Amino acid sequence: MADLTADNGALTAFGTAQQGVAAEIAGAANMDSATHVAAMTPVFGLIGADYLAMFAAAQALHCSDVNDLSAKCNHLGQSAFGTVAVLGDTDSAASGVLGAIGNGIGG
C-alpha cells in the first residue's frame, strides 16, 4: 500500500456518474403501475381479477426494489464526494506539516 494514489478528479467524475445513474434508475422506477393495472382490467375481466391483484403487488414490489437500487447508486456518488473532501483535507494538513518541518530545517 506504499504506492497508493488517489485522483480526486477521477473520484469526482465517478461520483457524478453514479448520481446520474441513480437519477436514470429512479426515473425508470417511477412508473404509474395503477394505470397499467387499470388498462389491463378490461382485458382480463372478472376472471383475471386475482391475477391483476397479484400483478399489482409484484409491480409495487418491483418499483420499490428499483428505487432501493437508485438510492444505493446515489449513496455511492455521495461517498465518492465525501472521499474527495477527506483526501483534500488530509493532503492539505500533510502539506502544512511538511512545510512547517521544511521551514524549521531552514528552507
PDB file of N, CA and C in Angstrom:
ATOM      1  N   MET A   1       0.813  -1.197   0.000  1.00  0.00           N
ATOM      2  CA  MET A   1       0.000   0.000   0.000  1.00  0.00           C
ATOM      3  C   MET A   1       0.857   1.261   0.000  1.00  0.00           C
ATOM      4  N   ALA A   2       2.154   1.110  -0.116  1.00  0.00           N
ATOM      5  CA  ALA A   2       3.030   2.273  -0.114  1.00  0.00           C
ATOM      6  C   ALA A   2       2.847   3.114  -1.371  1.00  0.00           C
ATOM      7  N   ASP A   3       2.404   2.529  -2.453  1.00  0.00           N
ATOM      8  CA  ASP A   3       2.270   3.246  -3.721  1.00  0.00           C
ATOM      9  C   ASP A   3       0.823   3.642  -4.019  1.00  0.00           C
ATOM     10  N   LEU A   4       0.032   3.821  -2.992  1.00  0.00           N
ATOM     11  CA  LEU A   4      -1.375   4.172  -3.179  1.00  0.00           C
ATOM     12  C   LEU A   4      -1.502   5.633  -3.606  1.00  0.00           C
ATOM     13  N   THR A   5      -2.223   5.855  -4.676  1.00  0.00           N
ATOM     14  CA  THR A   5      -2.519   7.219  -5.116  1.00  0.00           C
ATOM     15  C   THR A   5      -4.018   7.331  -5.365  1.00  0.00           C
ATOM     16  N   ALA A   6      -4.509   8.534  -5.231  1.00  0.00           N
ATOM     17  CA  ALA A   6      -5.926   8.783  -5.486  1.00  0.00           C
ATOM     18  C   ALA A   6      -6.043  10.027  -6.359  1.00  0.00           C
ATOM     19  N   ASP A   7      -6.821   9.924  -7.393  1.00  0.00           N
ATOM     20  CA  ASP A   7      -7.043  11.040  -8.305  1.00  0.00           C
ATOM     21  C   ASP A   7      -8.399  11.658  -7.968  1.00  0.00           C
ATOM     22  N   ASN A   8      -8.360  12.838  -7.341  1.00  0.00           N
ATOM     23  CA  ASN A   8      -9.612  13.475  -6.928  1.00  0.00           C
ATOM     24  C   ASN A   8     -10.526  13.765  -8.113  1.00  0.00           C
ATOM     25  N   GLY A   9      -9.951  14.088  -9.252  1.00  0.00           N
ATOM     26  CA  GLY A   9     -10.770  14.333 -10.443  1.00  0.00           C
ATOM     27  C   GLY A   9     -11.516  13.087 -10.887  1.00  0.00           C
ATOM     28  N   ALA A  10     -10.826  11.953 -10.841  1.00  0.00           N
ATOM     29  CA  ALA A  10     -11.469  10.690 -11.223  1.00  0.00           C
ATOM     30  C   ALA A  10     -12.545  10.304 -10.218  1.00  0.00           C
ATOM     31  N   LEU A  11     -12.268  10.528  -8.934  1.00  0.00           N
ATOM     32  CA  LEU A  11     -13.271  10.215  -7.909  1.00  0.00           C
ATOM     33  C   LEU A  11     -14.498  11.110  -8.060  1.00  0.00           C
ATOM     34  N   THR A  12     -14.274  12.376  -8.376  1.00  0.00           N
ATOM     35  CA  THR A  12     -15.393  13.295  -8.588  1.00  0.00           C
ATOM     36  C   THR A  12     -16.202  12.878  -9.819  1.00  0.00           C
ATOM     37  N   ALA A  13     -15.515  12.490 -10.885  1.00  0.00           N
ATOM     38  CA  ALA A  13     -16.215  12.027 -12.094  1.00  0.00           C
ATOM     39  C   ALA A  13     -17.029  10.773 -11.798  1.00  0.00           C
ATOM     40  N   PHE A  14     -16.461   9.864 -10.998  1.00  0.00           N
ATOM     41  CA  PHE A  14     -17.184   8.650 -10.610  1.00  0.00           C
ATOM     42  C   PHE A  14     -18.437   9.012  -9.813  1.00  0.00           C
ATOM     43  N   GLY A  15     -18.292   9.924  -8.853  1.00  0.00           N
ATOM     44  CA  GLY A  15     -19.440  10.343  -8.047  1.00  0.00           C
ATOM     45  C   GLY A  15     -20.530  10.962  -8.892  1.00  0.00           C
ATOM     46  N   THR A  16     -20.131  11.806  -9.834  1.00  0.00           N
ATOM     47  CA  THR A  16     -21.100  12.443 -10.730  1.00  0.00           C
ATOM     48  C   THR A  16     -21.805  11.401 -11.597  1.00  0.00           C
ATOM     49  N   ALA A  17     -21.041  10.448 -12.104  1.00  0.00           N
ATOM     50  CA  ALA A  17     -21.630   9.392 -12.938  1.00  0.00           C
ATOM     51  C   ALA A  17     -22.612   8.549 -12.134  1.00  0.00           C
ATOM     52  N   GLN A  18     -22.257   8.202 -10.903  1.00  0.00           N
ATOM     53  CA  GLN A  18     -23.141   7.378 -10.079  1.00  0.00           C
ATOM     54  C   GLN A  18     -24.437   8.108  -9.764  1.00  0.00           C
ATOM     55  N   GLN A  19     -24.349   9.408  -9.504  1.00  0.00           N
ATOM     56  CA  GLN A  19     -25.578  10.151  -9.235  1.00  0.00           C
ATOM     57  C   GLN A  19     -26.433  10.277 -10.491  1.00  0.00           C
ATOM     58  N   GLY A  20     -25.799  10.358 -11.656  1.00  0.00           N
ATOM     59  CA  GLY A  20     -26.556  10.354 -12.909  1.00  0.00           C
ATOM     60  C   GLY A  20     -27.258   9.029 -13.144  1.00  0.00           C
ATOM     61  N   VAL A  21     -26.558   7.937 -12.861  1.00  0.00           N
ATOM     62  CA  VAL A  21     -27.153   6.601 -12.984  1.00  0.00           C
ATOM     63  C   VAL A  21     -28.324   6.466 -12.015  1.00  0.00           C
ATOM     64  N   ALA A  22     -28.143   6.974 -10.802  1.00  0.00           N
ATOM     65  CA  ALA A  22     -29.213   6.900  -9.798  1.00  0.00           C
ATOM     66  C   ALA A  22     -30.461   7.632 -10.280  1.00  0.00           C
ATOM     67  N   ALA A  23     -30.274   8.788 -10.897  1.00  0.00           N
ATOM     68  CA  ALA A  23     -31.417   9.552 -11.407  1.00  0.00           C
ATOM     69  C   ALA A  23     -32.127   8.801 -12.530  1.00  0.00           C
ATOM     70  N   GLU A  24     -31.360   8.175 -13.416  1.00  0.00           N
ATOM     71  CA  GLU A  24     -31.972   7.408 -14.506  1.00  0.00           C
ATOM     72  C   GLU A  24     -32.735   6.198 -13.975  1.00  0.00           C
ATOM     73  N   ILE A  25     -32.160   5.515 -12.998  1.00  0.00           N
ATOM     74  CA  ILE A  25     -32.831   4.346 -12.417  1.00  0.00           C
ATOM     75  C   ILE A  25     -34.104   4.777 -11.712  1.00  0.00           C
ATOM     76  N   ALA A  26     -34.037   5.882 -10.974  1.00  0.00           N
ATOM     77  CA  ALA A  26     -35.230   6.375 -10.273  1.00  0.00           C
ATOM     78  C   ALA A  26     -36.330   6.728 -11.266  1.00  0.00           C
ATOM     79  N   GLY A  27     -35.942   7.296 -12.397  1.00  0.00           N
ATOM     80  CA  GLY A  27     -36.929   7.617 -13.424  1.00  0.00           C
ATOM     81  C   GLY A  27     -37.623   6.379 -13.960  1.00  0.00           C
ATOM     82  N   ALA A  28     -36.878   5.295 -14.078  1.00  0.00           N
ATOM     83  CA  ALA A  28     -37.469   4.042 -14.558  1.00  0.00           C
ATOM     84  C   ALA A  28     -38.399   3.433 -13.514  1.00  0.00           C
ATOM     85  N   ALA A  29     -38.105   3.669 -12.247  1.00  0.00           N
ATOM     86  CA  ALA A  29     -38.908   3.063 -11.183  1.00  0.00           C
ATOM     87  C   ALA A  29     -40.199   3.822 -10.925  1.00  0.00           C
ATOM     88  N   ASN A  30     -40.256   5.065 -11.335  1.00  0.00           N
ATOM     89  CA  ASN A  30     -41.428   5.884 -11.035  1.00  0.00           C
ATOM     90  C   ASN A  30     -42.500   5.748 -12.114  1.00  0.00           C
ATOM     91  N   MET A  31     -42.868   4.523 -12.387  1.00  0.00           N
ATOM     92  CA  MET A  31     -43.924   4.282 -13.369  1.00  0.00           C
ATOM     93  C   MET A  31     -45.283   4.296 -12.666  1.00  0.00           C
ATOM     94  N   ASP A  32     -46.287   4.525 -13.424  1.00  0.00           N
ATOM     95  CA  ASP A  32     -47.644   4.575 -12.884  1.00  0.00           C
ATOM     96  C   ASP A  32     -48.255   3.182 -12.989  1.00  0.00           C
ATOM     97  N   SER A  33     -47.986   2.345 -11.987  1.00  0.00           N
ATOM     98  CA  SER A  33     -48.459   0.961 -12.055  1.00  0.00           C
ATOM     99  C   SER A  33     -49.976   0.869 -11.921  1.00  0.00           C
ATOM    100  N   ALA A  34     -50.600   1.836 -11.255  1.00  0.00           N
ATOM    101  CA  ALA A  34     -52.070   1.811 -11.151  1.00  0.00           C
ATOM    102  C   ALA A  34     -52.703   1.964 -12.535  1.00  0.00           C
ATOM    103  N   THR A  35     -52.129   2.808 -13.360  1.00  0.00           N
ATOM    104  CA  THR A  35     -52.642   2.988 -14.725  1.00  0.00           C
ATOM    105  C   THR A  35     -52.450   1.720 -15.545  1.00  0.00           C
ATOM    106  N   HIS A  36     -51.310   1.045 -15.332  1.00  0.00           N
ATOM    107  CA  HIS A  36     -51.071  -0.209 -16.059  1.00  0.00           C
ATOM    108  C   HIS A  36     -52.133  -1.247 -15.705  1.00  0.00           C
ATOM    109  N   VAL A  37     -52.409  -1.377 -14.415  1.00  0.00           N
ATOM    110  CA  VAL A  37     -53.412  -2.356 -13.973  1.00  0.00           C
ATOM    111  C   VAL A  37     -54.791  -1.960 -14.490  1.00  0.00           C
ATOM    112  N   ALA A  38     -55.112  -0.678 -14.424  1.00  0.00           N
ATOM    113  CA  ALA A  38     -56.417  -0.219 -14.911  1.00  0.00           C
ATOM    114  C   ALA A  38     -56.571  -0.483 -16.407  1.00  0.00           C
ATOM    115  N   ALA A  39     -55.493  -0.343 -17.150  1.00  0.00           N
ATOM    116  CA  ALA A  39     -55.554  -0.589 -18.594  1.00  0.00           C
ATOM    117  C   ALA A  39     -55.755  -2.067 -18.895  1.00  0.00           C
ATOM    118  N   MET A  40     -55.281  -2.951 -18.017  1.00  0.00           N
ATOM    119  CA  MET A  40     -55.406  -4.389 -18.253  1.00  0.00           C
ATOM    120  C   MET A  40     -56.719  -4.965 -17.736  1.00  0.00           C
ATOM    121  N   THR A  41     -57.427  -4.236 -16.899  1.00  0.00           N
ATOM    122  CA  THR A  41     -58.657  -4.759 -16.302  1.00  0.00           C
ATOM    123  C   THR A  41     -59.680  -5.188 -17.352  1.00  0.00           C
ATOM    124  N   PRO A  42     -59.950  -4.392 -18.386  1.00  0.00           N
ATOM    125  CA  PRO A  42     -60.929  -4.850 -19.385  1.00  0.00           C
ATOM    126  C   PRO A  42     -60.483  -6.114 -20.130  1.00  0.00           C
ATOM    127  N   VAL A  43     -59.181  -6.300 -20.259  1.00  0.00           N
ATOM    128  CA  VAL A  43     -58.678  -7.461 -20.984  1.00  0.00           C
ATOM    129  C   VAL A  43     -58.911  -8.731 -20.180  1.00  0.00           C
ATOM    130  N   PHE A  44     -58.604  -8.677 -18.887  1.00  0.00           N
ATOM    131  CA  PHE A  44     -58.713  -9.872 -18.045  1.00  0.00           C
ATOM    132  C   PHE A  44     -60.097 -10.041 -17.430  1.00  0.00           C
ATOM    133  N   GLY A  45     -60.834  -8.951 -17.263  1.00  0.00           N
ATOM    134  CA  GLY A  45     -62.178  -9.030 -16.709  1.00  0.00           C
ATOM    135  C   GLY A  45     -62.192  -9.571 -15.292  1.00  0.00           C
ATOM    136  N   LEU A  46     -63.361 -10.073 -14.895  1.00  0.00           N
ATOM    137  CA  LEU A  46     -63.521 -10.578 -13.530  1.00  0.00           C
ATOM    138  C   LEU A  46     -62.724 -11.848 -13.289  1.00  0.00           C
ATOM    139  N   ILE A  47     -62.568 -12.649 -14.308  1.00  0.00           N
ATOM    140  CA  ILE A  47     -61.837 -13.909 -14.156  1.00  0.00           C
ATOM    141  C   ILE A  47     -60.375 -13.641 -13.809  1.00  0.00           C
ATOM    142  N   GLY A  48     -59.806 -12.581 -14.375  1.00  0.00           N
ATOM    143  CA  GLY A  48     -58.396 -12.272 -14.140  1.00  0.00           C
ATOM    144  C   GLY A  48     -58.148 -11.328 -12.982  1.00  0.00           C
ATOM    145  N   ALA A  49     -59.167 -11.067 -12.161  1.00  0.00           N
ATOM    146  CA  ALA A  49     -59.007 -10.118 -11.053  1.00  0.00           C
ATOM    147  C   ALA A  49     -57.923 -10.568 -10.077  1.00  0.00           C
ATOM    148  N   ASP A  50     -57.874 -11.872  -9.779  1.00  0.00           N
ATOM    149  CA  ASP A  50     -56.831 -12.371  -8.871  1.00  0.00           C
ATOM    150  C   ASP A  50     -55.447 -12.163  -9.479  1.00  0.00           C
ATOM    151  N   TYR A  51     -55.346 -12.459 -10.760  1.00  0.00           N
ATOM    152  CA  TYR A  51     -54.059 -12.252 -11.435  1.00  0.00           C
ATOM    153  C   TYR A  51     -53.654 -10.781 -11.373  1.00  0.00           C
ATOM    154  N   LEU A  52     -54.591  -9.893 -11.668  1.00  0.00           N
ATOM    155  CA  LEU A  52     -54.278  -8.466 -11.658  1.00  0.00           C
ATOM    156  C   LEU A  52     -53.886  -7.983 -10.266  1.00  0.00           C
ATOM    157  N   ALA A  53     -54.527  -8.521  -9.240  1.00  0.00           N
ATOM    158  CA  ALA A  53     -54.162  -8.139  -7.866  1.00  0.00           C
ATOM    159  C   ALA A  53     -52.727  -8.561  -7.561  1.00  0.00           C
ATOM    160  N   MET A  54     -52.374  -9.773  -7.953  1.00  0.00           N
ATOM    161  CA  MET A  54     -51.003 -10.252  -7.729  1.00  0.00           C
ATOM    162  C   MET A  54     -50.004  -9.478  -8.594  1.00  0.00           C
ATOM    163  N   PHE A  55     -50.416  -9.167  -9.818  1.00  0.00           N
ATOM    164  CA  PHE A  55     -49.552  -8.380 -10.696  1.00  0.00           C
ATOM    165  C   PHE A  55     -49.291  -6.998 -10.101  1.00  0.00           C
ATOM    166  N   ALA A  56     -50.338  -6.373  -9.579  1.00  0.00           N
ATOM    167  CA  ALA A  56     -50.188  -5.042  -8.974  1.00  0.00           C
ATOM    168  C   ALA A  56     -49.243  -5.095  -7.778  1.00  0.00           C
ATOM    169  N   ALA A  57     -49.368  -6.139  -6.957  1.00  0.00           N
ATOM    170  CA  ALA A  57     -48.474  -6.282  -5.799  1.00  0.00           C
ATOM    171  C   ALA A  57     -47.031  -6.501  -6.253  1.00  0.00           C
ATOM    172  N   ALA A  58     -46.850  -7.337  -7.257  1.00  0.00           N
ATOM    173  CA  ALA A  58     -45.495  -7.591  -7.770  1.00  0.00           C
ATOM    174  C   ALA A  58     -44.908  -6.328  -8.396  1.00  0.00           C
ATOM    175  N   GLN A  59     -45.738  -5.579  -9.100  1.00  0.00           N
ATOM    176  CA  GLN A  59     -45.277  -4.338  -9.725  1.00  0.00           C
ATOM    177  C   GLN A  59     -44.851  -3.330  -8.662  1.00  0.00           C
ATOM    178  N   ALA A  60     -45.609  -3.223  -7.584  1.00  0.00           N
ATOM    179  CA  ALA A  60     -45.260  -2.301  -6.495  1.00  0.00           C
ATOM    180  C   ALA A  60     -43.949  -2.714  -5.838  1.00  0.00           C
ATOM    181  N   LEU A  61     -43.767  -4.013  -5.620  1.00  0.00           N
ATOM    182  CA  LEU A  61     -42.520  -4.504  -5.033  1.00  0.00           C
ATOM    183  C   LEU A  61     -41.343  -4.239  -5.972  1.00  0.00           C
ATOM    184  N   HIS A  62     -41.564  -4.455  -7.254  1.00  0.00           N
ATOM    185  CA  HIS A  62     -40.514  -4.198  -8.240  1.00  0.00           C
ATOM    186  C   HIS A  62     -40.098  -2.726  -8.217  1.00  0.00           C
ATOM    187  N   CYS A  63     -41.066  -1.833  -8.209  1.00  0.00           N
ATOM    188  CA  CYS A  63     -40.757  -0.398  -8.180  1.00  0.00           C
ATOM    189  C   CYS A  63     -40.002  -0.030  -6.908  1.00  0.00           C
ATOM    190  N   SER A  64     -40.388  -0.631  -5.795  1.00  0.00           N
ATOM    191  CA  SER A  64     -39.692  -0.380  -4.531  1.00  0.00           C
ATOM    192  C   SER A  64     -38.242  -0.846  -4.600  1.00  0.00           C
ATOM    193  N   ASP A  65     -38.029  -2.026  -5.161  1.00  0.00           N
ATOM    194  CA  ASP A  65     -36.664  -2.559  -5.277  1.00  0.00           C
ATOM    195  C   ASP A  65     -35.806  -1.712  -6.218  1.00  0.00           C
ATOM    196  N   VAL A  66     -36.392  -1.246  -7.300  1.00  0.00           N
ATOM    197  CA  VAL A  66     -35.639  -0.410  -8.234  1.00  0.00           C
ATOM    198  C   VAL A  66     -35.292   0.928  -7.577  1.00  0.00           C
ATOM    199  N   ASN A  67     -36.205   1.477  -6.784  1.00  0.00           N
ATOM    200  CA  ASN A  67     -35.902   2.705  -6.045  1.00  0.00           C
ATOM    201  C   ASN A  67     -34.794   2.476  -5.026  1.00  0.00           C
ATOM    202  N   ASP A  68     -34.767   1.298  -4.400  1.00  0.00           N
ATOM    203  CA  ASP A  68     -33.671   0.966  -3.478  1.00  0.00           C
ATOM    204  C   ASP A  68     -32.338   0.935  -4.218  1.00  0.00           C
ATOM    205  N   LEU A  69     -32.329   0.362  -5.415  1.00  0.00           N
ATOM    206  CA  LEU A  69     -31.108   0.340  -6.222  1.00  0.00           C
ATOM    207  C   LEU A  69     -30.662   1.761  -6.557  1.00  0.00           C
ATOM    208  N   SER A  70     -31.608   2.609  -6.890  1.00  0.00           N
ATOM    209  CA  SER A  70     -31.294   4.007  -7.179  1.00  0.00           C
ATOM    210  C   SER A  70     -30.670   4.686  -5.965  1.00  0.00           C
ATOM    211  N   ALA A  71     -31.221   4.427  -4.791  1.00  0.00           N
ATOM    212  CA  ALA A  71     -30.678   5.021  -3.560  1.00  0.00           C
ATOM    213  C   ALA A  71     -29.252   4.548  -3.302  1.00  0.00           C
ATOM    214  N   LYS A  72     -28.983   3.283  -3.595  1.00  0.00           N
ATOM    215  CA  LYS A  72     -27.625   2.752  -3.399  1.00  0.00           C
ATOM    216  C   LYS A  72     -26.633   3.405  -4.365  1.00  0.00           C
ATOM    217  N   CYS A  73     -27.029   3.605  -5.608  1.00  0.00           N
ATOM    218  CA  CYS A  73     -26.152   4.289  -6.572  1.00  0.00           C
ATOM    219  C   CYS A  73     -25.912   5.735  -6.147  1.00  0.00           C
ATOM    220  N   ASN A  74     -26.949   6.389  -5.660  1.00  0.00           N
ATOM    221  CA  ASN A  74     -26.805   7.758  -5.181  1.00  0.00           C
ATOM    222  C   ASN A  74     -25.855   7.809  -3.987  1.00  0.00           C
ATOM    223  N   HIS A  75     -25.961   6.828  -3.097  1.00  0.00           N
ATOM    224  CA  HIS A  75     -25.070   6.762  -1.935  1.00  0.00           C
ATOM    225  C   HIS A  75     -23.617   6.567  -2.374  1.00  0.00           C
ATOM    226  N   LEU A  76     -23.396   5.758  -3.396  1.00  0.00           N
ATOM    227  CA  LEU A  76     -22.039   5.596  -3.938  1.00  0.00           C
ATOM    228  C   LEU A  76     -21.482   6.939  -4.405  1.00  0.00           C
ATOM    229  N   GLY A  77     -22.297   7.709  -5.096  1.00  0.00           N
ATOM    230  CA  GLY A  77     -21.860   9.025  -5.557  1.00  0.00           C
ATOM    231  C   GLY A  77     -21.539   9.952  -4.406  1.00  0.00           C
ATOM    232  N   GLN A  78     -22.412   9.977  -3.394  1.00  0.00           N
ATOM    233  CA  GLN A  78     -22.169  10.822  -2.228  1.00  0.00           C
ATOM    234  C   GLN A  78     -20.912  10.389  -1.492  1.00  0.00           C
ATOM    235  N   SER A  79     -20.688   9.095  -1.403  1.00  0.00           N
ATOM    236  CA  SER A  79     -19.484   8.583  -0.738  1.00  0.00           C
ATOM    237  C   SER A  79     -18.226   8.993  -1.491  1.00  0.00           C
ATOM    238  N   ALA A  80     -18.291   8.986  -2.807  1.00  0.00           N
ATOM    239  CA  ALA A  80     -17.134   9.414  -3.603  1.00  0.00           C
ATOM    240  C   ALA A  80     -16.826  10.886  -3.342  1.00  0.00           C
ATOM    241  N   PHE A  81     -17.870  11.722  -3.283  1.00  0.00           N
ATOM    242  CA  PHE A  81     -17.649  13.141  -2.988  1.00  0.00           C
ATOM    243  C   PHE A  81     -17.094  13.328  -1.580  1.00  0.00           C
ATOM    244  N   GLY A  82     -17.578  12.537  -0.630  1.00  0.00           N
ATOM    245  CA  GLY A  82     -17.045  12.593   0.730  1.00  0.00           C
ATOM    246  C   GLY A  82     -15.586  12.180   0.786  1.00  0.00           C
ATOM    247  N   THR A  83     -15.240  11.171   0.003  1.00  0.00           N
ATOM    248  CA  THR A  83     -13.848  10.710  -0.053  1.00  0.00           C
ATOM    249  C   THR A  83     -12.946  11.801  -0.611  1.00  0.00           C
ATOM    250  N   VAL A  84     -13.408  12.493  -1.648  1.00  0.00           N
ATOM    251  CA  VAL A  84     -12.627  13.594  -2.220  1.00  0.00           C
ATOM    252  C   VAL A  84     -12.395  14.676  -1.166  1.00  0.00           C
ATOM    253  N   ALA A  85     -13.418  14.988  -0.385  1.00  0.00           N
ATOM    254  CA  ALA A  85     -13.274  16.012   0.656  1.00  0.00           C
ATOM    255  C   ALA A  85     -12.266  15.586   1.716  1.00  0.00           C
ATOM    256  N   VAL A  86     -12.358  14.329   2.159  1.00  0.00           N
ATOM    257  CA  VAL A  86     -11.431  13.830   3.181  1.00  0.00           C
ATOM    258  C   VAL A  86     -10.004  13.808   2.650  1.00  0.00           C
ATOM    259  N   LEU A  87      -9.826  13.328   1.424  1.00  0.00           N
ATOM    260  CA  LEU A  87      -8.481  13.289   0.839  1.00  0.00           C
ATOM    261  C   LEU A  87      -7.908  14.693   0.679  1.00  0.00           C
ATOM    262  N   GLY A  88      -8.745  15.631   0.267  1.00  0.00           N
ATOM    263  CA  GLY A  88      -8.287  17.014   0.121  1.00  0.00           C
ATOM    264  C   GLY A  88      -7.860  17.605   1.454  1.00  0.00           C
ATOM    265  N   ASP A  89      -8.669  17.370   2.499  1.00  0.00           N
ATOM    266  CA  ASP A  89      -8.316  17.867   3.835  1.00  0.00           C
ATOM    267  C   ASP A  89      -7.034  17.222   4.338  1.00  0.00           C
ATOM    268  N   THR A  90      -6.901  15.922   4.126  1.00  0.00           N
ATOM    269  CA  THR A  90      -5.710  15.194   4.579  1.00  0.00           C
ATOM    270  C   THR A  90      -4.468  15.686   3.847  1.00  0.00           C
ATOM    271  N   ASP A  91      -4.579  15.879   2.537  1.00  0.00           N
ATOM    272  CA  ASP A  91      -3.441  16.383   1.763  1.00  0.00           C
ATOM    273  C   ASP A  91      -3.043  17.786   2.218  1.00  0.00           C
ATOM    274  N   SER A  92      -4.035  18.630   2.478  1.00  0.00           N
ATOM    275  CA  SER A  92      -3.735  19.991   2.931  1.00  0.00           C
ATOM    276  C   SER A  92      -3.038  19.977   4.286  1.00  0.00           C
ATOM    277  N   ALA A  93      -3.534  19.142   5.188  1.00  0.00           N
ATOM    278  CA  ALA A  93      -2.920  19.048   6.516  1.00  0.00           C
ATOM    279  C   ALA A  93      -1.499  18.509   6.418  1.00  0.00           C
ATOM    280  N   ALA A  94      -1.306  17.479   5.601  1.00  0.00           N
ATOM    281  CA  ALA A  94       0.033  16.890   5.461  1.00  0.00           C
ATOM    282  C   ALA A  94       1.002  17.880   4.831  1.00  0.00           C
ATOM    283  N   SER A  95       0.544  18.626   3.829  1.00  0.00           N
ATOM    284  CA  SER A  95       1.447  19.598   3.206  1.00  0.00           C
ATOM    285  C   SER A  95       1.786  20.719   4.174  1.00  0.00           C
ATOM    286  N   GLY A  96       0.844  21.084   5.038  1.00  0.00           N
ATOM    287  CA  GLY A  96       1.127  22.094   6.059  1.00  0.00           C
ATOM    288  C   GLY A  96       2.182  21.628   7.037  1.00  0.00           C
ATOM    289  N   VAL A  97       2.078  20.381   7.472  1.00  0.00           N
ATOM    290  CA  VAL A  97       3.058  19.811   8.402  1.00  0.00           C
ATOM    291  C   VAL A  97       4.424  19.722   7.734  1.00  0.00           C
ATOM    292  N   LEU A  98       4.463  19.232   6.505  1.00  0.00           N
ATOM    293  CA  LEU A  98       5.739  19.125   5.795  1.00  0.00           C
ATOM    294  C   LEU A  98       6.351  20.503   5.552  1.00  0.00           C
ATOM    295  N   GLY A  99       5.521  21.487   5.249  1.00  0.00           N
ATOM    296  CA  GLY A  99       6.018  22.851   5.063  1.00  0.00           C
ATOM    297  C   GLY A  99       6.618  23.404   6.340  1.00  0.00           C
ATOM    298  N   ALA A 100       5.950  23.132   7.463  1.00  0.00           N
ATOM    299  CA  ALA A 100       6.473  23.591   8.754  1.00  0.00           C
ATOM    300  C   ALA A 100       7.802  22.921   9.072  1.00  0.00           C
ATOM    301  N   ILE A 101       7.899  21.636   8.774  1.00  0.00           N
ATOM    302  CA  ILE A 101       9.169  20.919   9.001  1.00  0.00           C
ATOM    303  C   ILE A 101      10.257  21.507   8.111  1.00  0.00           C
ATOM    304  N   GLY A 102       9.930  21.755   6.843  1.00  0.00           N
ATOM    305  CA  GLY A 102      10.899  22.350   5.920  1.00  0.00           C
ATOM    306  C   GLY A 102      11.353  23.724   6.384  1.00  0.00           C
ATOM    307  N   ASN A 103      10.416  24.526   6.877  1.00  0.00           N
ATOM    308  CA  ASN A 103      10.773  25.853   7.382  1.00  0.00           C
ATOM    309  C   ASN A 103      11.633  25.753   8.636  1.00  0.00           C
ATOM    310  N   GLY A 104      11.368  24.738   9.462  1.00  0.00           N
ATOM    311  CA  GLY A 104      12.163  24.535  10.671  1.00  0.00           C
ATOM    312  C   GLY A 104      13.589  24.121  10.360  1.00  0.00           C
ATOM    313  N   ILE A 105      13.754  23.399   9.280  1.00  0.00           N
ATOM    314  CA  ILE A 105      15.091  22.948   8.886  1.00  0.00           C
ATOM    315  C   ILE A 105      15.875  24.116   8.285  1.00  0.00           C
ATOM    316  N   GLY A 106      15.162  25.017   7.690  1.00  0.00           N
ATOM    317  CA  GLY A 106      15.854  26.160   7.121  1.00  0.00           C
ATOM    318  C   GLY A 106      15.531  26.394   5.668  1.00  0.00           C
ATOM    319  N   GLY A 107      14.438  25.865   5.246  1.00  0.00           N
ATOM    320  CA  GLY A 107      14.141  26.263   3.960  1.00  0.00           C
ATOM    321  C   GLY A 107      13.524  25.556   2.930  1.00  0.00           C
TER     322      GLY A 107
END
